[in-house]
C-alpha atoms as a PDB file:
ATOM      1  CA  UNK A   1       3.189  88.213 293.106  1.00  0.00           C
ATOM      2  CA  UNK A   2       2.386  87.008 296.676  1.00  0.00           C
ATOM      3  CA  UNK A   3       6.437  86.289 298.147  1.00  0.00           C
ATOM      4  CA  UNK A   4       7.682  88.024 295.817  1.00  0.00           C
ATOM      5  CA  UNK A   5       9.334  91.037 295.367  1.00  0.00           C
ATOM      6  CA  UNK A   6       8.986  93.515 292.233  1.00  0.00           C
ATOM      7  CA  UNK A   7      12.746  93.161 291.264  1.00  0.00           C
ATOM      8  CA  UNK A   8      12.363  89.192 291.566  1.00  0.00           C
ATOM      9  CA  UNK A   9       9.045  89.169 289.929  1.00  0.00           C
ATOM     10  CA  UNK A  10      10.373  90.757 286.834  1.00  0.00           C
ATOM     11  CA  UNK A  11      13.333  89.167 287.180  1.00  0.00           C
ATOM     12  CA  UNK A  12      11.603  85.518 286.656  1.00  0.00           C
ATOM     13  CA  UNK A  13       8.875  87.213 284.408  1.00  0.00           C
ATOM     14  CA  UNK A  14      11.873  87.933 282.177  1.00  0.00           C
ATOM     15  CA  UNK A  15      12.995  84.299 282.719  1.00  0.00           C
ATOM     16  CA  UNK A  16       9.941  82.961 281.420  1.00  0.00           C
ATOM     17  CA  UNK A  17       9.628  85.064 278.509  1.00  0.00           C
ATOM     18  CA  UNK A  18      13.018  84.129 277.243  1.00  0.00           C
ATOM     19  CA  UNK A  19      12.230  80.599 277.944  1.00  0.00           C
ATOM     20  CA  UNK A  20       9.098  80.466 275.803  1.00  0.00           C
ATOM     21  CA  UNK A  21      10.444  82.420 273.240  1.00  0.00           C
ATOM     22  CA  UNK A  22      13.985  80.293 273.076  1.00  0.00           C
ATOM     23  CA  UNK A  23      11.254  76.882 272.788  1.00  0.00           C
ATOM     24  CA  UNK A  24       9.403  77.938 270.507  1.00  0.00           C
ATOM     25  CA  UNK A  25      11.694  79.143 268.273  1.00  0.00           C
ATOM     26  CA  UNK A  26      13.438  75.946 268.102  1.00  0.00           C
ATOM     27  CA  UNK A  27      10.256  73.465 268.258  1.00  0.00           C
ATOM     28  CA  UNK A  28       8.738  75.170 265.225  1.00  0.00           C
ATOM     29  CA  UNK A  29      11.155  76.714 262.961  1.00  0.00           C
ATOM     30  CA  UNK A  30      10.850  74.432 259.962  1.00  0.00           C
ATOM     31  CA  UNK A  31      14.818  75.363 258.788  1.00  0.00           C
ATOM     32  CA  UNK A  32      15.709  73.337 261.952  1.00  0.00           C
ATOM     33  CA  UNK A  33      16.605  70.119 260.545  1.00  0.00           C
ATOM     34  CA  UNK A  34      18.409  71.550 257.269  1.00  0.00           C
ATOM     35  CA  UNK A  35      20.177  73.994 259.642  1.00  0.00           C
ATOM     36  CA  UNK A  36      21.974  70.880 261.712  1.00  0.00           C
ATOM     37  CA  UNK A  37      22.069  68.231 259.373  1.00  0.00           C
ATOM     38  CA  UNK A  38      24.338  70.806 257.306  1.00  0.00           C
ATOM     39  CA  UNK A  39      26.724  71.009 260.321  1.00  0.00           C
ATOM     40  CA  UNK A  40      26.588  67.591 260.570  1.00  0.00           C
ATOM     41  CA  UNK A  41      27.192  67.332 256.990  1.00  0.00           C
ATOM     42  CA  UNK A  42      30.310  70.112 257.692  1.00  0.00           C
ATOM     43  CA  UNK A  43      31.889  68.700 260.114  1.00  0.00           C
ATOM     44  CA  UNK A  44      32.023  64.978 258.659  1.00  0.00           C
ATOM     45  CA  UNK A  45      33.607  66.537 255.338  1.00  0.00           C
ATOM     46  CA  UNK A  46      36.090  68.122 257.413  1.00  0.00           C
ATOM     47  CA  UNK A  47      37.130  64.789 259.683  1.00  0.00           C
ATOM     48  CA  UNK A  48      37.162  63.124 256.164  1.00  0.00           C
ATOM     49  CA  UNK A  49      39.539  65.688 254.618  1.00  0.00           C
ATOM     50  CA  UNK A  50      41.808  64.915 257.604  1.00  0.00           C
ATOM     51  CA  UNK A  51      41.748  61.627 257.475  1.00  0.00           C
ATOM     52  CA  UNK A  52      42.889  61.602 253.845  1.00  0.00           C
ATOM     53  CA  UNK A  53      45.653  64.245 254.649  1.00  0.00           C
ATOM     54  CA  UNK A  54      47.016  61.327 257.230  1.00  0.00           C
ATOM     55  CA  UNK A  55      46.591  58.804 254.668  1.00  0.00           C
ATOM     56  CA  UNK A  56      48.456  60.499 252.323  1.00  0.00           C
ATOM     57  CA  UNK A  57      51.442  61.426 254.770  1.00  0.00           C
ATOM     58  CA  UNK A  58      51.735  58.347 256.309  1.00  0.00           C
ATOM     59  CA  UNK A  59      51.230  59.231 259.781  1.00  0.00           C
ATOM     60  CA  UNK A  60      48.667  61.278 262.483  1.00  0.00           C
ATOM     61  CA  UNK A  61      49.208  64.726 263.486  1.00  0.00           C
ATOM     62  CA  UNK A  62      51.942  65.634 265.962  1.00  0.00           C
ATOM     63  CA  UNK A  63      53.134  61.829 265.715  1.00  0.00           C
ATOM     64  CA  UNK A  64      57.068  60.895 266.188  1.00  0.00           C
ATOM     65  CA  UNK A  65      56.895  59.068 262.902  1.00  0.00           C
ATOM     66  CA  UNK A  66      56.264  62.029 260.584  1.00  0.00           C
ATOM     67  CA  UNK A  67      59.915  63.517 261.705  1.00  0.00           C
ATOM     68  CA  UNK A  68      62.613  63.878 259.315  1.00  0.00           C
ATOM     69  CA  UNK A  69      59.766  62.603 256.514  1.00  0.00           C
ATOM     70  CA  UNK A  70      60.294  65.524 254.192  1.00  0.00           C
ATOM     71  CA  UNK A  71      56.781  66.666 254.270  1.00  0.00           C
ATOM     72  CA  UNK A  72      53.819  67.629 256.627  1.00  0.00           C
ATOM     73  CA  UNK A  73      50.910  69.747 257.344  1.00  0.00           C
ATOM     74  CA  UNK A  74      50.657  73.147 256.671  1.00  0.00           C
ATOM     75  CA  UNK A  75      47.456  75.129 257.789  1.00  0.00           C
ATOM     76  CA  UNK A  76      44.273  75.072 255.463  1.00  0.00           C
ATOM     77  CA  UNK A  77      42.390  76.719 252.967  1.00  0.00           C
ATOM     78  CA  UNK A  78      38.695  77.563 253.401  1.00  0.00           C
ATOM     79  CA  UNK A  79      36.000  75.943 250.103  1.00  0.00           C
ATOM     80  CA  UNK A  80      31.945  76.327 250.354  1.00  0.00           C
ATOM     81  CA  UNK A  81      29.939  73.925 249.104  1.00  0.00           C
ATOM     82  CA  UNK A  82      26.507  73.649 248.175  1.00  0.00           C
ATOM     83  CA  UNK A  83      24.717  71.266 249.834  1.00  0.00           C
ATOM     84  CA  UNK A  84      20.993  70.291 249.509  1.00  0.00           C
ATOM     85  CA  UNK A  85      20.149  71.735 252.986  1.00  0.00           C
ATOM     86  CA  UNK A  86      22.162  74.812 252.319  1.00  0.00           C
ATOM     87  CA  UNK A  87      25.859  75.880 251.814  1.00  0.00           C
ATOM     88  CA  UNK A  88      28.399  74.892 253.935  1.00  0.00           C
ATOM     89  CA  UNK A  89      32.163  75.752 254.664  1.00  0.00           C
ATOM     90  CA  UNK A  90      34.535  73.505 255.047  1.00  0.00           C
ATOM     91  CA  UNK A  91      38.400  73.526 255.704  1.00  0.00           C
ATOM     92  CA  UNK A  92      40.593  72.027 253.125  1.00  0.00           C
ATOM     93  CA  UNK A  93      44.270  71.240 254.622  1.00  0.00           C
ATOM     94  CA  UNK A  94      47.067  71.662 252.744  1.00  0.00           C
ATOM     95  CA  UNK A  95      50.549  69.761 253.308  1.00  0.00           C
ATOM     96  CA  UNK A  96      54.474  71.696 253.097  1.00  0.00           C
ATOM     97  CA  UNK A  97      55.242  70.338 249.763  1.00  0.00           C
ATOM     98  CA  UNK A  98      52.151  71.120 247.897  1.00  0.00           C
ATOM     99  CA  UNK A  99      51.647  67.618 246.821  1.00  0.00           C
ATOM    100  CA  UNK A 100      48.679  66.919 248.463  1.00  0.00           C
ATOM    101  CA  UNK A 101      45.401  66.920 246.168  1.00  0.00           C
ATOM    102  CA  UNK A 102      42.387  66.097 247.926  1.00  0.00           C
ATOM    103  CA  UNK A 103      39.484  63.633 246.037  1.00  0.00           C
ATOM    104  CA  UNK A 104      37.125  64.177 248.996  1.00  0.00           C
ATOM    105  CA  UNK A 105      35.637  67.269 247.023  1.00  0.00           C
ATOM    106  CA  UNK A 106      34.984  67.350 243.265  1.00  0.00           C
ATOM    107  CA  UNK A 107      37.378  70.121 241.402  1.00  0.00           C
ATOM    108  CA  UNK A 108      35.776  73.007 240.251  1.00  0.00           C
ATOM    109  CA  UNK A 109      32.253  72.615 241.470  1.00  0.00           C
ATOM    110  CA  UNK A 110      29.956  73.759 244.417  1.00  0.00           C
ATOM    111  CA  UNK A 111      28.053  70.938 244.746  1.00  0.00           C
ATOM    112  CA  UNK A 112      28.285  67.435 244.309  1.00  0.00           C
ATOM    113  CA  UNK A 113      24.769  64.795 245.397  1.00  0.00           C
ATOM    114  CA  UNK A 114      27.848  62.040 246.096  1.00  0.00           C
ATOM    115  CA  UNK A 115      29.423  63.495 248.503  1.00  0.00           C
ATOM    116  CA  UNK A 116      26.418  64.303 250.461  1.00  0.00           C
ATOM    117  CA  UNK A 117      24.826  60.714 249.941  1.00  0.00           C
ATOM    118  CA  UNK A 118      28.095  59.711 251.449  1.00  0.00           C
ATOM    119  CA  UNK A 119      28.259  61.526 254.218  1.00  0.00           C
ATOM    120  CA  UNK A 120      24.882  60.614 255.390  1.00  0.00           C
ATOM    121  CA  UNK A 121      25.549  56.862 254.912  1.00  0.00           C
ATOM    122  CA  UNK A 122      28.649  56.762 256.450  1.00  0.00           C
ATOM    123  CA  UNK A 123      27.465  58.340 259.829  1.00  0.00           C
ATOM    124  CA  UNK A 124      24.284  56.602 259.624  1.00  0.00           C
ATOM    125  CA  UNK A 125      23.736  54.665 263.315  1.00  0.00           C
ATOM    126  CA  UNK A 126      23.917  50.817 262.397  1.00  0.00           C
ATOM    127  CA  UNK A 127      26.139  51.225 259.606  1.00  0.00           C
ATOM    128  CA  UNK A 128      29.184  48.461 259.927  1.00  0.00           C
ATOM    129  CA  UNK A 129      33.060  48.811 259.553  1.00  0.00           C
ATOM    130  CA  UNK A 130      32.774  46.546 256.439  1.00  0.00           C
ATOM    131  CA  UNK A 131      30.150  49.336 254.933  1.00  0.00           C
ATOM    132  CA  UNK A 132      32.254  51.837 255.846  1.00  0.00           C
ATOM    133  CA  UNK A 133      35.096  50.645 254.187  1.00  0.00           C
ATOM    134  CA  UNK A 134      33.121  50.046 251.073  1.00  0.00           C
ATOM    135  CA  UNK A 135      32.337  53.213 250.779  1.00  0.00           C
ATOM    136  CA  UNK A 136      35.662  54.246 251.832  1.00  0.00           C
ATOM    137  CA  UNK A 137      36.839  52.485 248.949  1.00  0.00           C
ATOM    138  CA  UNK A 138      34.080  53.376 246.551  1.00  0.00           C
ATOM    139  CA  UNK A 139      35.411  57.186 246.881  1.00  0.00           C
ATOM    140  CA  UNK A 140      38.726  57.045 246.871  1.00  0.00           C
ATOM    141  CA  UNK A 141      39.767  53.733 245.298  1.00  0.00           C
ATOM    142  CA  UNK A 142      40.624  54.903 242.240  1.00  0.00           C
ATOM    143  CA  UNK A 143      42.774  57.580 243.750  1.00  0.00           C
ATOM    144  CA  UNK A 144      45.028  56.078 246.465  1.00  0.00           C
ATOM    145  CA  UNK A 145      46.675  52.282 246.713  1.00  0.00           C
ATOM    146  CA  UNK A 146      44.890  49.492 248.709  1.00  0.00           C
ATOM    147  CA  UNK A 147      47.040  50.951 252.075  1.00  0.00           C
ATOM    148  CA  UNK A 148      46.462  54.000 251.712  1.00  0.00           C
ATOM    149  CA  UNK A 149      42.697  53.628 251.136  1.00  0.00           C
ATOM    150  CA  UNK A 150      42.811  51.267 254.321  1.00  0.00           C
ATOM    151  CA  UNK A 151      44.709  53.948 256.461  1.00  0.00           C
ATOM    152  CA  UNK A 152      41.074  56.247 255.468  1.00  0.00           C
ATOM    153  CA  UNK A 153      39.299  53.798 256.634  1.00  0.00           C
ATOM    154  CA  UNK A 154      40.859  53.057 259.621  1.00  0.00           C
ATOM    155  CA  UNK A 155      40.739  57.043 260.462  1.00  0.00           C
ATOM    156  CA  UNK A 156      36.790  57.196 259.831  1.00  0.00           C
ATOM    157  CA  UNK A 157      35.878  54.456 261.029  1.00  0.00           C
ATOM    158  CA  UNK A 158      36.549  55.766 265.165  1.00  0.00           C
ATOM    159  CA  UNK A 159      34.840  58.915 264.249  1.00  0.00           C
ATOM    160  CA  UNK A 160      31.591  57.001 262.894  1.00  0.00           C
ATOM    161  CA  UNK A 161      31.613  54.805 265.924  1.00  0.00           C
ATOM    162  CA  UNK A 162      32.361  57.970 268.311  1.00  0.00           C
ATOM    163  CA  UNK A 163      29.822  59.526 267.169  1.00  0.00           C
ATOM    164  CA  UNK A 164      26.866  57.220 267.952  1.00  0.00           C
ATOM    165  CA  UNK A 165      28.014  56.118 271.260  1.00  0.00           C
ATOM    166  CA  UNK A 166      28.829  59.600 272.678  1.00  0.00           C
ATOM    167  CA  UNK A 167      27.690  60.305 275.959  1.00  0.00           C
ATOM    168  CA  UNK A 168      24.398  62.212 276.029  1.00  0.00           C
ATOM    169  CA  UNK A 169      22.853  65.056 278.428  1.00  0.00           C
ATOM    170  CA  UNK A 170      21.159  63.295 281.324  1.00  0.00           C
ATOM    171  CA  UNK A 171      17.738  65.866 280.620  1.00  0.00           C
ATOM    172  CA  UNK A 172      16.626  67.493 277.331  1.00  0.00           C
ATOM    173  CA  UNK A 173      13.241  70.081 278.171  1.00  0.00           C
ATOM    174  CA  UNK A 174      12.005  68.440 274.565  1.00  0.00           C
ATOM    175  CA  UNK A 175      13.336  65.551 272.273  1.00  0.00           C
ATOM    176  CA  UNK A 176      11.937  66.423 268.477  1.00  0.00           C
ATOM    177  CA  UNK A 177      11.322  63.225 266.435  1.00  0.00           C
ATOM    178  CA  UNK A 178      11.480  63.901 263.229  1.00  0.00           C
ATOM    179  CA  UNK A 179      11.888  61.345 259.205  1.00  0.00           C
ATOM    180  CA  UNK A 180      12.588  63.401 255.988  1.00  0.00           C
ATOM    181  CA  UNK A 181      13.084  61.325 252.909  1.00  0.00           C
ATOM    182  CA  UNK A 182      15.833  62.775 250.831  1.00  0.00           C
ATOM    183  CA  UNK A 183      17.111  61.466 247.369  1.00  0.00           C
ATOM    184  CA  UNK A 184      19.901  58.527 248.144  1.00  0.00           C
ATOM    185  CA  UNK A 185      21.548  56.459 245.494  1.00  0.00           C
ATOM    186  CA  UNK A 186      20.719  52.893 246.298  1.00  0.00           C
ATOM    187  CA  UNK A 187      19.573  50.351 243.675  1.00  0.00           C
ATOM    188  CA  UNK A 188      15.908  49.714 244.489  1.00  0.00           C
ATOM    189  CA  UNK A 189      14.924  53.201 246.076  1.00  0.00           C
ATOM    190  CA  UNK A 190      14.920  57.131 245.031  1.00  0.00           C
ATOM    191  CA  UNK A 191      14.422  58.555 248.378  1.00  0.00           C
ATOM    192  CA  UNK A 192      15.062  56.988 251.719  1.00  0.00           C
ATOM    193  CA  UNK A 193      13.979  58.275 255.205  1.00  0.00           C
ATOM    194  CA  UNK A 194      16.250  60.173 257.793  1.00  0.00           C
ATOM    195  CA  UNK A 195      15.224  59.418 261.157  1.00  0.00           C
ATOM    196  CA  UNK A 196      16.513  62.174 263.286  1.00  0.00           C
ATOM    197  CA  UNK A 197      16.132  62.771 266.723  1.00  0.00           C
ATOM    198  CA  UNK A 198      16.890  66.602 268.073  1.00  0.00           C
ATOM    199  CA  UNK A 199      16.794  67.768 271.578  1.00  0.00           C
ATOM    200  CA  UNK A 200      16.476  71.270 272.567  1.00  0.00           C
ATOM    201  CA  UNK A 201      17.194  72.692 276.054  1.00  0.00           C
ATOM    202  CA  UNK A 202      15.048  75.319 277.770  1.00  0.00           C
ATOM    203  CA  UNK A 203      17.198  78.112 276.063  1.00  0.00           C
ATOM    204  CA  UNK A 204      16.310  77.136 272.558  1.00  0.00           C
ATOM    205  CA  UNK A 205      20.198  75.135 272.077  1.00  0.00           C
ATOM    206  CA  UNK A 206      19.787  72.155 269.543  1.00  0.00           C
ATOM    207  CA  UNK A 207      21.395  69.392 268.959  1.00  0.00           C
ATOM    208  CA  UNK A 208      21.505  65.925 266.471  1.00  0.00           C
ATOM    209  CA  UNK A 209      21.353  63.430 269.078  1.00  0.00           C
ATOM    210  CA  UNK A 210      21.641  60.792 266.376  1.00  0.00           C
ATOM    211  CA  UNK A 211      19.861  59.699 262.875  1.00  0.00           C
ATOM    212  CA  UNK A 212      19.709  56.515 260.956  1.00  0.00           C
ATOM    213  CA  UNK A 213      18.654  55.802 257.296  1.00  0.00           C
ATOM    214  CA  UNK A 214      15.663  53.291 256.799  1.00  0.00           C
ATOM    215  CA  UNK A 215      13.677  52.740 253.211  1.00  0.00           C
ATOM    216  CA  UNK A 216      10.903  54.056 254.895  1.00  0.00           C
ATOM    217  CA  UNK A 217       8.985  54.866 258.606  1.00  0.00           C
ATOM    218  CA  UNK A 218       8.320  52.511 260.821  1.00  0.00           C
ATOM    219  CA  UNK A 219       7.962  52.563 264.187  1.00  0.00           C
ATOM    220  CA  UNK A 220      11.058  49.867 265.063  1.00  0.00           C
ATOM    221  CA  UNK A 221      13.302  51.675 263.809  1.00  0.00           C
ATOM    222  CA  UNK A 222      12.238  54.896 266.458  1.00  0.00           C
ATOM    223  CA  UNK A 223      12.097  52.667 268.884  1.00  0.00           C
ATOM    224  CA  UNK A 224      15.888  51.168 268.678  1.00  0.00           C
ATOM    225  CA  UNK A 225      16.490  54.542 268.877  1.00  0.00           C
ATOM    226  CA  UNK A 226      14.621  55.490 271.359  1.00  0.00           C
ATOM    227  CA  UNK A 227      16.492  52.977 273.463  1.00  0.00           C
ATOM    228  CA  UNK A 228      19.740  53.673 272.511  1.00  0.00           C
ATOM    229  CA  UNK A 229      19.227  57.517 273.599  1.00  0.00           C
ATOM    230  CA  UNK A 230      18.534  55.985 276.923  1.00  0.00           C
ATOM    231  CA  UNK A 231      21.287  53.597 277.033  1.00  0.00           C
ATOM    232  CA  UNK A 232      23.612  56.762 276.229  1.00  0.00           C
ATOM    233  CA  UNK A 233      22.474  58.673 279.631  1.00  0.00           C
ATOM    234  CA  UNK A 234      19.489  60.899 277.891  1.00  0.00           C
ATOM    235  CA  UNK A 235      17.105  59.917 281.339  1.00  0.00           C
ATOM    236  CA  UNK A 236      14.747  62.546 281.277  1.00  0.00           C
ATOM    237  CA  UNK A 237      12.749  64.433 278.724  1.00  0.00           C
ATOM    238  CA  UNK A 238       9.757  66.579 279.413  1.00  0.00           C
ATOM    239  CA  UNK A 239       7.777  66.343 275.738  1.00  0.00           C
ATOM    240  CA  UNK A 240       8.132  64.605 272.514  1.00  0.00           C
ATOM    241  CA  UNK A 241       7.529  66.283 269.587  1.00  0.00           C
ATOM    242  CA  UNK A 242       6.579  64.053 266.589  1.00  0.00           C
ATOM    243  CA  UNK A 243       4.094  63.191 263.327  1.00  0.00           C
ATOM    244  CA  UNK A 244       1.342  60.701 263.838  1.00  0.00           C
ATOM    245  CA  UNK A 245       3.322  57.899 263.460  1.00  0.00           C
ATOM    246  CA  UNK A 246       1.494  54.494 263.941  1.00  0.00           C
ATOM    247  CA  UNK A 247       2.839  53.295 267.470  1.00  0.00           C
ATOM    248  CA  UNK A 248       4.900  56.255 268.658  1.00  0.00           C
ATOM    249  CA  UNK A 249       3.156  56.350 271.891  1.00  0.00           C
ATOM    250  CA  UNK A 250       3.160  53.334 272.857  1.00  0.00           C
ATOM    251  CA  UNK A 251       7.272  53.116 272.212  1.00  0.00           C
ATOM    252  CA  UNK A 252       7.731  56.595 273.914  1.00  0.00           C
ATOM    253  CA  UNK A 253       5.772  55.190 276.895  1.00  0.00           C
ATOM    254  CA  UNK A 254       7.796  52.444 277.566  1.00  0.00           C
ATOM    255  CA  UNK A 255      10.697  53.871 277.062  1.00  0.00           C
ATOM    256  CA  UNK A 256      10.217  57.404 278.805  1.00  0.00           C
ATOM    257  CA  UNK A 257       7.305  56.927 280.482  1.00  0.00           C
ATOM    258  CA  UNK A 258       7.301  59.714 282.468  1.00  0.00           C
ATOM    259  CA  UNK A 259       7.529  62.078 279.119  1.00  0.00           C
ATOM    260  CA  UNK A 260       4.584  63.856 277.771  1.00  0.00           C
ATOM    261  CA  UNK A 261       3.989  63.712 273.733  1.00  0.00           C
ATOM    262  CA  UNK A 262       2.982  66.527 271.381  1.00  0.00           C
ATOM    263  CA  UNK A 263       2.030  66.355 267.711  1.00  0.00           C
ATOM    264  CA  UNK A 264       4.274  68.856 265.644  1.00  0.00           C
ATOM    265  CA  UNK A 265       1.828  71.105 264.804  1.00  0.00           C
ATOM    266  CA  UNK A 266       3.714  72.183 262.173  1.00  0.00           C
ATOM    267  CA  UNK A 267       3.248  68.523 259.934  1.00  0.00           C
ATOM    268  CA  UNK A 268      -0.678  69.288 261.808  1.00  0.00           C
ATOM    269  CA  UNK A 269      -1.178  72.406 259.775  1.00  0.00           C
ATOM    270  CA  UNK A 270       0.900  70.654 256.634  1.00  0.00           C
ATOM    271  CA  UNK A 271      -2.289  68.340 256.514  1.00  0.00           C
ATOM    272  CA  UNK A 272      -4.575  70.871 257.313  1.00  0.00           C
ATOM    273  CA  UNK A 273      -3.545  73.143 254.056  1.00  0.00           C
ATOM    274  CA  UNK A 274      -3.561  70.020 251.868  1.00  0.00           C
ATOM    275  CA  UNK A 275      -7.010  69.052 252.327  1.00  0.00           C
ATOM    276  CA  UNK A 276      -8.596  72.257 251.996  1.00  0.00           C
ATOM    277  CA  UNK A 277      -9.207  74.616 249.188  1.00  0.00           C
ATOM    278  CA  UNK A 278      -6.561  77.354 248.188  1.00  0.00           C
ATOM    279  CA  UNK A 279      -9.355  80.191 249.079  1.00  0.00           C
ATOM    280  CA  UNK A 280      -9.498  78.980 252.252  1.00  0.00           C
ATOM    281  CA  UNK A 281      -6.035  78.205 253.149  1.00  0.00           C
ATOM    282  CA  UNK A 282      -4.767  81.399 255.168  1.00  0.00           C
ATOM    283  CA  UNK A 283      -8.013  81.891 257.063  1.00  0.00           C
ATOM    284  CA  UNK A 284      -8.363  78.348 258.406  1.00  0.00           C
ATOM    285  CA  UNK A 285      -3.896  78.691 259.228  1.00  0.00           C
ATOM    286  CA  UNK A 286      -4.639  81.813 261.160  1.00  0.00           C
ATOM    287  CA  UNK A 287      -7.312  80.276 263.252  1.00  0.00           C
ATOM    288  CA  UNK A 288      -5.900  77.398 263.993  1.00  0.00           C
ATOM    289  CA  UNK A 289      -2.720  79.466 265.306  1.00  0.00           C
ATOM    290  CA  UNK A 290      -5.231  80.930 267.149  1.00  0.00           C
ATOM    291  CA  UNK A 291      -5.414  77.451 269.678  1.00  0.00           C
ATOM    292  CA  UNK A 292      -2.731  77.991 270.534  1.00  0.00           C
ATOM    293  CA  UNK A 293      -2.275  81.291 271.313  1.00  0.00           C
ATOM    294  CA  UNK A 294      -4.083  81.136 274.826  1.00  0.00           C
ATOM    295  CA  UNK A 295      -2.935  80.987 277.783  1.00  0.00           C
ATOM    296  CA  UNK A 296      -4.217  77.550 279.227  1.00  0.00           C
ATOM    297  CA  UNK A 297      -6.055  74.220 278.285  1.00  0.00           C
ATOM    298  CA  UNK A 298      -9.372  75.727 278.923  1.00  0.00           C
ATOM    299  CA  UNK A 299      -8.958  78.554 276.035  1.00  0.00           C
ATOM    300  CA  UNK A 300      -7.725  76.980 273.960  1.00  0.00           C
ATOM    301  CA  UNK A 301     -10.111  74.001 273.883  1.00  0.00           C
ATOM    302  CA  UNK A 302     -12.961  76.766 273.566  1.00  0.00           C
ATOM    303  CA  UNK A 303     -10.877  78.251 270.585  1.00  0.00           C
ATOM    304  CA  UNK A 304     -10.603  74.718 268.822  1.00  0.00           C
ATOM    305  CA  UNK A 305     -14.349  73.570 269.495  1.00  0.00           C
ATOM    306  CA  UNK A 306     -15.190  77.179 267.550  1.00  0.00           C
ATOM    307  CA  UNK A 307     -12.511  75.857 264.707  1.00  0.00           C
ATOM    308  CA  UNK A 308     -14.379  72.918 264.596  1.00  0.00           C
ATOM    309  CA  UNK A 309     -18.080  74.450 264.518  1.00  0.00           C
ATOM    310  CA  UNK A 310     -16.699  76.888 261.809  1.00  0.00           C
ATOM    311  CA  UNK A 311     -15.375  74.421 259.496  1.00  0.00           C
ATOM    312  CA  UNK A 312     -16.828  71.096 260.244  1.00  0.00           C
ATOM    313  CA  UNK A 313     -19.775  71.163 257.545  1.00  0.00           C
ATOM    314  CA  UNK A 314     -17.453  72.250 254.816  1.00  0.00           C
ATOM    315  CA  UNK A 315     -13.913  69.836 255.806  1.00  0.00           C
ATOM    316  CA  UNK A 316     -15.780  67.701 257.715  1.00  0.00           C
ATOM    317  CA  UNK A 317     -12.935  64.626 257.378  1.00  0.00           C
ATOM    318  CA  UNK A 318     -10.172  67.156 258.382  1.00  0.00           C
ATOM    319  CA  UNK A 319     -12.072  68.328 261.482  1.00  0.00           C
ATOM    320  CA  UNK A 320     -12.972  64.405 262.049  1.00  0.00           C
ATOM    321  CA  UNK A 321      -9.198  63.692 262.285  1.00  0.00           C
ATOM    322  CA  UNK A 322      -8.641  66.969 264.411  1.00  0.00           C
ATOM    323  CA  UNK A 323     -10.651  65.462 267.006  1.00  0.00           C
ATOM    324  CA  UNK A 324      -8.783  61.807 266.673  1.00  0.00           C
ATOM    325  CA  UNK A 325      -6.026  63.523 267.742  1.00  0.00           C
ATOM    326  CA  UNK A 326      -7.243  66.897 269.895  1.00  0.00           C
ATOM    327  CA  UNK A 327      -5.717  65.184 273.206  1.00  0.00           C
ATOM    328  CA  UNK A 328      -1.928  65.528 271.712  1.00  0.00           C
ATOM    329  CA  UNK A 329      -2.685  68.851 270.686  1.00  0.00           C
ATOM    330  CA  UNK A 330      -2.651  70.856 273.586  1.00  0.00           C
ATOM    331  CA  UNK A 331       0.086  69.346 275.636  1.00  0.00           C
ATOM    332  CA  UNK A 332       2.675  72.150 274.992  1.00  0.00           C
ATOM    333  CA  UNK A 333       0.515  74.971 276.368  1.00  0.00           C
ATOM    334  CA  UNK A 334      -0.536  72.530 279.368  1.00  0.00           C
ATOM    335  CA  UNK A 335       3.274  71.942 280.340  1.00  0.00           C
ATOM    336  CA  UNK A 336       3.516  75.755 279.617  1.00  0.00           C
ATOM    337  CA  UNK A 337       0.677  77.139 281.922  1.00  0.00           C
ATOM    338  CA  UNK A 338       1.732  75.577 284.883  1.00  0.00           C
ATOM    339  CA  UNK A 339       4.140  77.834 285.071  1.00  0.00           C
ATOM    340  CA  UNK A 340       2.521  80.861 283.966  1.00  0.00           C
ATOM    341  CA  UNK A 341       3.874  81.002 280.475  1.00  0.00           C
ATOM    342  CA  UNK A 342       2.533  81.328 277.002  1.00  0.00           C
ATOM    343  CA  UNK A 343       3.945  80.948 273.562  1.00  0.00           C
ATOM    344  CA  UNK A 344       2.765  82.340 270.529  1.00  0.00           C
ATOM    345  CA  UNK A 345       2.783  79.870 267.583  1.00  0.00           C
ATOM    346  CA  UNK A 346       5.561  81.541 264.910  1.00  0.00           C
ATOM    347  CA  UNK A 347       3.246  83.194 261.357  1.00  0.00           C
END
């Protein structure tokens, strides 16, 4: 407390505790990807519904060529739709004459896989304008004239392009990189990899930086995504959090050489659980979490090595794998301990 009065110390300590809590919840909340994808799908569906109404009416909101046409926009009503990422609530627009019948959402259903597939593909990074037009045609072609379908495409293409080109914040405390496999309907693949980059601020605020789709996880896709992030203004990241995809550390070193890399503890714990007996899982998980509740690296290393010694005989391969990635397991503790911070791994 040298140089700090009690009031200043309490204020600083309170900030540290809030910072630690916010960052920890953001990093280790397993629902974070679903929450963010749900929000992205909700926004995309709202955009599609608005574009559909615009094509139906034949003019943009507030456009002069819509005057005296005999019909106009008339607010919206809310509707809930279930997705594989959770429930979303969208705004279905209405026209003054009650003639508009939307075809974005299914009638009398609360769930549709087709809509989710379409939205994720439509907003995936790298999709071409031709592919966007084809997706729009597939969804609306049987309901509207070719000219109206073309107008829907013209409405959606700038929105999709703007999403992937938007300016990013120049700093994030952490960027979480993950690949989640979801079922998308294509001729050759039942499930495809959705690469997602999530930025996390010191206050715990999360946002989807970008995402793209590929048949499987590979470092070339991640490298392109990282380079794109930097070109859009993200210059400084304190910590990258990811799983053990081969080549990730090298790709990060080229794009963000000053950033630190931490193995995702959720992935690590999942891998451990998959390789130990059911009867031992609870004890092993509780002891593993103790490693990341230490105040500094030295204490964490002591607990980690005690963990090795206890379980090595029963699970030699698991312990050997942990030793191989040990330098990447404790980075978060090091960063926080430099500022006198400590975090607790959620249960």
